[in-house]
Amino acid sequence: MSISGIASTALSGMRAQTTRVSAIANNIANSSTPGYARLNTCLTSVEPGGVQAVVSPTASDIDPATELADLIEAEQSYKANAVVFETGADMWEMLMSIKRD
């Protein structure tokens, strides 16, 4: 996988987690709204690399503990993807430094 492929994959993961956090925020904000359908985020891999988030309403109830756990997981996943992106950028910088020398 190329450096640009690594960056693209990491960015898609960060975007997917942002979408997930948005759905969680909607669930929490609407937890007492009558008739509100809890939003669930499904993450799927895409070719040639990366992830896509698809949000859909579900029939399940909103549990604040579940929403908080999902939020913590999304935060950690976002941070992990950010580290991958930064590492790819560092690798690119090192390669360019070697090439200049």
C-alpha atoms as a PDB file:
ATOM      1  CA  MET A   1       0.000   0.000   0.000  1.00  0.00           C
ATOM      2  CA  SER A   2       1.333   3.444  -0.887  1.00  0.00           C
ATOM      3  CA  ILE A   3       1.667   6.409   1.437  1.00  0.00           C
ATOM      4  CA  SER A   4      -1.344   8.041  -0.243  1.00  0.00           C
ATOM      5  CA  GLY A   5      -3.275   4.780   0.224  1.00  0.00           C
ATOM      6  CA  ILE A   6      -2.427   4.777   3.926  1.00  0.00           C
ATOM      7  CA  ALA A   7      -3.574   8.383   4.272  1.00  0.00           C
ATOM      8  CA  SER A   8      -6.768   7.704   2.330  1.00  0.00           C
ATOM      9  CA  THR A   9      -7.592   4.665   4.450  1.00  0.00           C
ATOM     10  CA  ALA A  10      -6.941   6.542   7.700  1.00  0.00           C
ATOM     11  CA  LEU A  11      -9.025   9.515   6.546  1.00  0.00           C
ATOM     12  CA  SER A  12     -11.937   7.264   5.616  1.00  0.00           C
ATOM     13  CA  GLY A  13     -11.780   5.774   9.108  1.00  0.00           C
ATOM     14  CA  MET A  14     -11.773   9.230  10.671  1.00  0.00           C
ATOM     15  CA  ARG A  15     -14.757  10.277   8.528  1.00  0.00           C
ATOM     16  CA  ALA A  16     -16.630   7.104   9.461  1.00  0.00           C
ATOM     17  CA  GLN A  17     -16.082   7.712  13.172  1.00  0.00           C
ATOM     18  CA  THR A  18     -17.229  11.327  12.776  1.00  0.00           C
ATOM     19  CA  THR A  19     -20.447  10.032  11.203  1.00  0.00           C
ATOM     20  CA  ARG A  20     -20.811   7.568  14.061  1.00  0.00           C
ATOM     21  CA  VAL A  21     -20.375  10.297  16.699  1.00  0.00           C
ATOM     22  CA  SER A  22     -23.009  12.398  14.941  1.00  0.00           C
ATOM     23  CA  ALA A  23     -25.492   9.514  15.114  1.00  0.00           C
ATOM     24  CA  ILE A  24     -24.700   8.972  18.804  1.00  0.00           C
ATOM     25  CA  ALA A  25     -25.226  12.695  19.487  1.00  0.00           C
ATOM     26  CA  ASN A  26     -28.615  12.526  17.756  1.00  0.00           C
ATOM     27  CA  ASN A  27     -29.567   9.515  19.849  1.00  0.00           C
ATOM     28  CA  ILE A  28     -28.649  11.255  23.093  1.00  0.00           C
ATOM     29  CA  ALA A  29     -30.322  14.533  22.105  1.00  0.00           C
ATOM     30  CA  ASN A  30     -33.546  12.754  21.122  1.00  0.00           C
ATOM     31  CA  SER A  31     -33.605  10.112  23.851  1.00  0.00           C
ATOM     32  CA  SER A  32     -36.859  11.485  25.281  1.00  0.00           C
ATOM     33  CA  THR A  33     -38.459  12.420  21.962  1.00  0.00           C
ATOM     34  CA  PRO A  34     -41.606  10.327  21.410  1.00  0.00           C
ATOM     35  CA  GLY A  35     -41.416   8.223  18.256  1.00  0.00           C
ATOM     36  CA  TYR A  36     -37.688   8.809  17.717  1.00  0.00           C
ATOM     37  CA  ALA A  37     -35.948   5.798  16.160  1.00  0.00           C
ATOM     38  CA  ARG A  38     -32.450   5.131  17.501  1.00  0.00           C
ATOM     39  CA  LEU A  39     -29.785   5.551  14.836  1.00  0.00           C
ATOM     40  CA  ASN A  40     -27.319   2.722  14.363  1.00  0.00           C
ATOM     41  CA  THR A  41     -24.052   3.096  12.473  1.00  0.00           C
ATOM     42  CA  CYS A  42     -22.794   0.156  10.452  1.00  0.00           C
ATOM     43  CA  LEU A  43     -19.157   0.251   9.354  1.00  0.00           C
ATOM     44  CA  THR A  44     -18.186  -1.651   6.230  1.00  0.00           C
ATOM     45  CA  SER A  45     -14.875  -1.994   4.446  1.00  0.00           C
ATOM     46  CA  VAL A  46     -14.517  -0.580   0.954  1.00  0.00           C
ATOM     47  CA  GLU A  47     -12.044  -1.370  -1.803  1.00  0.00           C
ATOM     48  CA  PRO A  48      -9.191  -0.703  -2.319  1.00  0.00           C
ATOM     49  CA  GLY A  49      -8.966   0.186   1.373  1.00  0.00           C
ATOM     50  CA  GLY A  50     -10.907   2.100   3.948  1.00  0.00           C
ATOM     51  CA  VAL A  51     -14.221   2.083   5.681  1.00  0.00           C
ATOM     52  CA  GLN A  52     -17.670   3.524   5.078  1.00  0.00           C
ATOM     53  CA  ALA A  53     -20.298   4.411   7.689  1.00  0.00           C
ATOM     54  CA  VAL A  54     -23.962   3.842   6.952  1.00  0.00           C
ATOM     55  CA  VAL A  55     -26.486   5.214   9.437  1.00  0.00           C
ATOM     56  CA  SER A  56     -29.958   3.707   9.673  1.00  0.00           C
ATOM     57  CA  PRO A  57     -32.830   3.871  12.166  1.00  0.00           C
ATOM     58  CA  THR A  58     -33.494   0.844  14.345  1.00  0.00           C
ATOM     59  CA  ALA A  59     -36.329  -0.328  16.545  1.00  0.00           C
ATOM     60  CA  SER A  60     -34.144  -0.609  19.648  1.00  0.00           C
ATOM     61  CA  ASP A  61     -34.448   1.676  22.660  1.00  0.00           C
ATOM     62  CA  ILE A  62     -31.844   4.281  23.510  1.00  0.00           C
ATOM     63  CA  ASP A  63     -29.688   3.215  26.453  1.00  0.00           C
ATOM     64  CA  PRO A  64     -27.431   6.031  27.720  1.00  0.00           C
ATOM     65  CA  ALA A  65     -24.778   3.550  28.869  1.00  0.00           C
ATOM     66  CA  THR A  66     -24.636   1.958  25.410  1.00  0.00           C
ATOM     67  CA  GLU A  67     -24.427   5.373  23.760  1.00  0.00           C
ATOM     68  CA  LEU A  68     -21.570   6.381  26.074  1.00  0.00           C
ATOM     69  CA  ALA A  69     -19.699   3.134  25.408  1.00  0.00           C
ATOM     70  CA  ASP A  70     -20.178   3.629  21.651  1.00  0.00           C
ATOM     71  CA  LEU A  71     -18.924   7.206  21.972  1.00  0.00           C
ATOM     72  CA  ILE A  72     -15.778   6.094  23.800  1.00  0.00           C
ATOM     73  CA  GLU A  73     -15.155   3.412  21.170  1.00  0.00           C
ATOM     74  CA  ALA A  74     -15.637   5.926  18.341  1.00  0.00           C
ATOM     75  CA  GLU A  75     -13.218   8.344  20.019  1.00  0.00           C
ATOM     76  CA  GLN A  76     -10.553   5.658  20.390  1.00  0.00           C
ATOM     77  CA  SER A  77     -11.041   4.516  16.786  1.00  0.00           C
ATOM     78  CA  TYR A  78     -10.751   8.106  15.549  1.00  0.00           C
ATOM     79  CA  LYS A  79      -7.529   8.587  17.529  1.00  0.00           C
ATOM     80  CA  ALA A  80      -6.083   5.338  16.154  1.00  0.00           C
ATOM     81  CA  ASN A  81      -6.814   6.442  12.588  1.00  0.00           C
ATOM     82  CA  ALA A  82      -5.256   9.845  13.313  1.00  0.00           C
ATOM     83  CA  VAL A  83      -2.074   8.110  14.493  1.00  0.00           C
ATOM     84  CA  VAL A  84      -1.990   6.037  11.289  1.00  0.00           C
ATOM     85  CA  PHE A  85      -2.404   9.217   9.242  1.00  0.00           C
ATOM     86  CA  GLU A  86       0.380  10.995  11.146  1.00  0.00           C
ATOM     87  CA  THR A  87       2.677   7.988  10.810  1.00  0.00           C
ATOM     88  CA  GLY A  88       2.064   7.894   7.058  1.00  0.00           C
ATOM     89  CA  ALA A  89       2.876  11.603   6.843  1.00  0.00           C
ATOM     90  CA  ASP A  90       6.065  11.059   8.849  1.00  0.00           C
ATOM     91  CA  MET A  91       7.068   8.200   6.543  1.00  0.00           C
ATOM     92  CA  TRP A  92       6.459  10.409   3.505  1.00  0.00           C
ATOM     93  CA  GLU A  93       8.570  13.191   5.016  1.00  0.00           C
ATOM     94  CA  MET A  94      11.388  10.741   5.761  1.00  0.00           C
ATOM     95  CA  LEU A  95      11.299   9.344   2.228  1.00  0.00           C
ATOM     96  CA  MET A  96      11.429  12.854   0.744  1.00  0.00           C
ATOM     97  CA  SER A  97      14.372  13.676   3.029  1.00  0.00           C
ATOM     98  CA  ILE A  98      16.238  10.580   1.829  1.00  0.00           C
ATOM     99  CA  LYS A  99      15.466  11.421  -1.773  1.00  0.00           C
ATOM    100  CA  ARG A 100      16.827  14.996  -1.364  1.00  0.00           C
ATOM    101  CA  ASP A 101      20.090  13.749   0.143  1.00  0.00           C
END
